[in-house]
Amino acid sequence: MRHEFRKEMSLLEDTLAMLAKQAATAMERAAASLKDANLALAESVIDADHQIDFLEQNVDEMAVSLLARQAPVAGDLRTVVSAMRLAATLERMGDLARHVAYIARGRFPQTAAEGPTYELLISMADEAASVGKMVAKLVETQDLSLAREIEENDEILDNFHRRSFEIVLDENHPLTRQEVVDVVLLGRFLERYGDHAVSVARRMVFLVTGLNTEHESVPGTEEEMLG
């Protein structure tokens, strides 16, 4: 019985790691599609989102099953409960990558912006992709030095986000109405991706150490973001 329990716990952790990798890949491809106006990449992100949803559902089902049948305690209970919360956050990260891909696809064959605005958005998207990779590695390895790095680097995306508003309001950089909408939405999606990454980092600290570092609520769903 104990061997079976450990096997199921290992499968739960492996599925969660796979979900984190999928969310990271989604943002990496979304960032590339935004940079190069790559229609095929944008559509691959959109099409793959169902797989992220499927993995989240699998994590939830496995966690509920473990709670009901095995009644885990101590560290195992912390792992199971944390896995459910992490899965929900990672799924939302995948949704945010999909939103970025939607904008890239909608502007094809052009990019979403030009000049300094384009450079800012690409820098922000690249940073989000880098954060996604760190999150995937953190979930896989449980290396808490990565958790600290993710939280410390969150200010980078926050600064890019503030800069995006400065560009929108700068009369020396006139934008079309569509560009204004795209810059505001992309800035929000990418900044939120970073916020979710911080949430994952804090949850992983709790999973590993039992210390609760989630001092504030980060992330709502994409529906909340879009109003």
Protein backbone atom coordinates (compact mmCIF):
# COMPACT_ATOMS: atom_id res chain seq x y z
CA MET A 1 0.00 0.00 0.00
CA ARG A 2 2.81 2.41 0.91
CA HIS A 3 4.64 1.62 -2.34
CA GLU A 4 1.51 2.45 -4.32
CA PHE A 5 1.08 5.72 -2.41
CA ARG A 6 4.64 6.81 -3.20
CA LYS A 7 4.13 5.88 -6.84
CA GLU A 8 0.99 8.04 -7.03
CA MET A 9 2.74 10.94 -5.29
CA SER A 10 5.59 10.71 -7.79
CA LEU A 11 3.13 10.75 -10.69
CA LEU A 12 1.43 13.82 -9.22
CA GLU A 13 4.74 15.68 -8.99
CA ASP A 14 5.76 14.62 -12.51
CA THR A 15 2.45 15.80 -13.96
CA LEU A 16 2.80 19.14 -12.19
CA ALA A 17 6.31 19.54 -13.60
CA MET A 18 5.00 18.75 -17.07
CA LEU A 19 2.31 21.40 -16.64
CA ALA A 20 4.93 23.98 -15.66
CA LYS A 21 7.01 23.12 -18.73
CA GLN A 22 3.96 23.48 -20.99
CA ALA A 23 3.17 26.91 -19.53
CA ALA A 24 6.80 27.97 -20.08
CA THR A 25 6.83 26.68 -23.65
CA ALA A 26 3.58 28.50 -24.36
CA MET A 27 5.05 31.86 -23.36
CA GLU A 28 8.32 31.19 -25.16
CA ARG A 29 6.43 30.52 -28.40
CA ALA A 30 4.02 33.39 -27.83
CA ALA A 31 6.95 35.78 -27.37
CA ALA A 32 8.56 34.51 -30.58
CA SER A 33 5.30 34.87 -32.51
CA LEU A 34 4.97 38.44 -31.27
CA LYS A 35 8.55 39.24 -32.27
CA ASP A 36 8.46 37.78 -35.77
CA ALA A 37 4.75 38.03 -36.62
CA ASN A 38 4.90 34.23 -36.86
CA LEU A 39 1.37 33.00 -37.52
CA ALA A 40 2.21 29.30 -37.21
CA LEU A 41 3.79 29.77 -33.78
CA ALA A 42 0.89 31.87 -32.53
CA GLU A 43 -1.60 29.23 -33.62
CA SER A 44 0.49 26.47 -32.04
CA VAL A 45 0.19 28.25 -28.67
CA ILE A 46 -3.55 28.65 -29.05
CA ASP A 47 -4.04 25.04 -30.14
CA ALA A 48 -1.86 23.65 -27.33
CA ASP A 49 -3.77 25.41 -24.57
CA HIS A 50 -6.20 22.50 -24.26
CA GLN A 51 -3.25 20.29 -23.25
CA ILE A 52 -2.41 22.65 -20.40
CA ASP A 53 -6.04 22.54 -19.29
CA PHE A 54 -5.97 18.75 -19.48
CA LEU A 55 -2.85 18.52 -17.32
CA GLU A 56 -4.36 20.84 -14.71
CA GLN A 57 -7.45 18.64 -14.60
CA ASN A 58 -5.25 15.57 -14.17
CA VAL A 59 -3.41 17.14 -11.25
CA ASP A 60 -6.70 18.05 -9.57
CA GLU A 61 -8.15 14.58 -10.06
CA MET A 62 -5.02 12.85 -8.75
CA ALA A 63 -4.85 15.17 -5.75
CA VAL A 64 -8.50 14.65 -4.83
CA SER A 65 -8.08 10.90 -5.20
CA LEU A 66 -5.02 10.90 -2.94
CA LEU A 67 -6.81 12.96 -0.31
CA ALA A 68 -9.85 10.70 -0.37
CA ARG A 69 -8.10 7.32 -0.44
CA GLN A 70 -4.75 7.83 1.26
CA ALA A 71 -5.43 10.60 3.81
CA PRO A 72 -1.86 11.99 3.54
CA VAL A 73 -0.40 13.88 6.50
CA ALA A 74 2.45 16.30 7.21
CA GLY A 75 4.70 16.93 4.18
CA ASP A 76 2.70 14.68 1.89
CA LEU A 77 -0.51 16.55 2.66
CA ARG A 78 1.29 19.84 2.01
CA THR A 79 2.49 18.52 -1.35
CA VAL A 80 -0.97 17.36 -2.44
CA VAL A 81 -2.75 20.58 -1.46
CA SER A 82 0.01 22.74 -2.91
CA ALA A 83 -0.10 20.80 -6.18
CA MET A 84 -3.75 21.73 -6.68
CA ARG A 85 -3.06 25.41 -6.10
CA LEU A 86 0.05 25.38 -8.23
CA ALA A 87 -1.79 23.68 -11.09
CA ALA A 88 -4.44 26.41 -11.12
CA THR A 89 -1.79 29.13 -11.24
CA LEU A 90 0.20 27.40 -13.97
CA GLU A 91 -2.95 26.94 -16.03
CA ARG A 92 -3.57 30.68 -15.82
CA MET A 93 -0.02 31.32 -16.98
CA GLY A 94 -0.83 29.20 -20.02
CA ASP A 95 -3.96 31.27 -20.61
CA LEU A 96 -1.91 34.48 -20.52
CA ALA A 97 0.50 33.09 -23.11
CA ARG A 98 -2.49 32.21 -25.26
CA HIS A 99 -3.74 35.81 -25.00
CA VAL A 100 -0.38 37.09 -26.21
CA ALA A 101 -0.55 34.65 -29.12
CA TYR A 102 -4.06 35.84 -29.98
CA ILE A 103 -2.78 39.39 -30.39
CA ALA A 104 0.17 38.23 -32.49
CA ARG A 105 -2.17 36.26 -34.71
CA GLY A 106 -4.63 39.14 -34.97
CA ARG A 107 -1.97 41.55 -36.25
CA PHE A 108 -0.44 39.15 -38.81
CA PRO A 109 1.29 39.83 -41.19
CA GLN A 110 2.36 42.95 -39.25
CA THR A 111 3.75 43.07 -35.72
CA ALA A 112 1.63 44.50 -32.92
CA ALA A 113 3.69 47.72 -32.83
CA GLU A 114 6.72 49.44 -34.33
CA GLY A 115 9.80 51.33 -33.21
CA PRO A 116 10.39 51.91 -29.47
CA THR A 117 6.98 50.44 -28.61
CA TYR A 118 7.82 47.23 -30.41
CA GLU A 119 11.21 47.03 -28.72
CA LEU A 120 9.62 47.45 -25.30
CA LEU A 121 6.98 44.78 -25.90
CA ILE A 122 9.54 42.30 -27.21
CA SER A 123 11.84 42.92 -24.26
CA MET A 124 8.92 42.37 -21.91
CA ALA A 125 7.80 39.20 -23.70
CA ASP A 126 11.35 37.82 -23.66
CA GLU A 127 11.58 38.49 -19.92
CA ALA A 128 8.28 36.71 -19.34
CA ALA A 129 9.55 33.73 -21.34
CA SER A 130 12.71 33.67 -19.22
CA VAL A 131 10.62 33.73 -16.05
CA GLY A 132 8.52 30.86 -17.37
CA LYS A 133 11.63 28.74 -17.83
CA MET A 134 12.73 29.46 -14.27
CA VAL A 135 9.30 28.48 -12.97
CA ALA A 136 9.42 25.18 -14.86
CA LYS A 137 12.86 24.41 -13.46
CA LEU A 138 11.75 25.39 -9.95
CA VAL A 139 8.75 23.06 -10.04
CA GLU A 140 10.88 20.22 -11.37
CA THR A 141 13.85 20.62 -9.01
CA GLN A 142 12.34 22.39 -5.98
CA ASP A 143 15.51 24.49 -5.90
CA LEU A 144 14.49 27.41 -3.68
CA SER A 145 17.30 29.62 -4.98
CA LEU A 146 15.17 29.83 -8.14
CA ALA A 147 12.17 30.90 -6.06
CA ARG A 148 14.20 33.77 -4.62
CA GLU A 149 15.44 34.76 -8.08
CA ILE A 150 11.93 34.78 -9.52
CA GLU A 151 10.65 37.03 -6.76
CA GLU A 152 13.66 39.37 -6.88
CA ASN A 153 13.39 39.72 -10.68
CA ASP A 154 9.67 40.49 -10.67
CA GLU A 155 10.46 44.20 -10.60
CA ILE A 156 11.84 43.89 -14.15
CA LEU A 157 8.41 43.09 -15.59
CA ASP A 158 6.78 45.67 -13.33
CA ASN A 159 9.13 48.34 -14.68
CA PHE A 160 8.41 47.31 -18.26
CA HIS A 161 4.70 47.51 -17.48
CA ARG A 162 5.02 51.04 -16.12
CA ARG A 163 7.07 52.01 -19.17
CA SER A 164 4.30 50.73 -21.45
CA PHE A 165 1.87 53.22 -19.89
CA GLU A 166 4.40 56.00 -20.28
CA ILE A 167 4.66 55.25 -24.00
CA VAL A 168 0.88 55.19 -24.42
CA LEU A 169 0.62 58.60 -22.74
CA ASP A 170 3.65 60.11 -24.51
CA GLU A 171 2.49 62.56 -27.17
CA ASN A 172 5.88 62.29 -28.86
CA HIS A 173 5.09 58.65 -29.71
CA PRO A 174 1.65 58.80 -31.32
CA LEU A 175 -0.04 55.41 -31.57
CA THR A 176 -3.10 54.25 -33.45
CA ARG A 177 -6.12 53.19 -31.42
CA GLN A 178 -5.35 49.56 -32.16
CA GLU A 179 -1.76 49.99 -31.02
CA VAL A 180 -2.92 51.58 -27.78
CA VAL A 181 -5.23 48.64 -27.10
CA ASP A 182 -2.50 46.12 -27.95
CA VAL A 183 0.13 47.81 -25.79
CA VAL A 184 -2.17 48.06 -22.79
CA LEU A 185 -3.35 44.45 -23.09
CA LEU A 186 0.06 42.96 -23.80
CA GLY A 187 1.62 44.88 -20.94
CA ARG A 188 -1.09 43.62 -18.61
CA PHE A 189 -0.87 40.00 -19.77
CA LEU A 190 2.91 39.87 -19.50
CA GLU A 191 3.01 41.62 -16.12
CA ARG A 192 0.37 39.20 -14.82
CA TYR A 193 2.41 36.26 -16.06
CA GLY A 194 5.21 37.50 -13.83
CA ASP A 195 2.83 37.91 -10.89
CA HIS A 196 1.70 34.31 -11.27
CA ALA A 197 5.34 33.23 -11.38
CA VAL A 198 5.88 34.93 -8.01
CA SER A 199 2.84 33.11 -6.68
CA VAL A 200 4.32 29.79 -7.84
CA ALA A 201 7.65 30.68 -6.21
CA ARG A 202 6.01 31.43 -2.87
CA ARG A 203 3.89 28.30 -3.03
CA MET A 204 6.97 26.21 -3.73
CA VAL A 205 8.68 27.69 -0.67
CA PHE A 206 5.66 26.59 1.38
CA LEU A 207 5.67 23.14 -0.22
CA VAL A 208 9.33 22.55 0.58
CA THR A 209 9.66 24.28 3.95
CA GLY A 210 6.15 24.62 5.36
CA LEU A 211 6.71 28.38 5.72
CA ASN A 212 3.93 30.53 4.29
CA THR A 213 5.44 33.46 2.35
CA GLU A 214 2.29 34.34 0.41
CA HIS A 215 1.74 37.68 2.09
CA GLU A 216 -0.55 39.05 -0.56
CA SER A 217 -2.94 37.82 -3.19
CA VAL A 218 -1.42 37.84 -6.67
CA PRO A 219 -3.48 36.66 -9.74
CA GLY A 220 -6.99 36.57 -10.79
CA THR A 221 -8.23 34.79 -13.80
CA GLU A 222 -7.92 36.16 -17.30
CA GLU A 223 -11.64 36.90 -17.24
CA GLU A 224 -11.06 39.16 -14.22
CA MET A 225 -8.25 40.92 -16.07
CA LEU A 226 -10.41 41.54 -19.11
CA GLY A 227 -13.30 42.74 -16.98
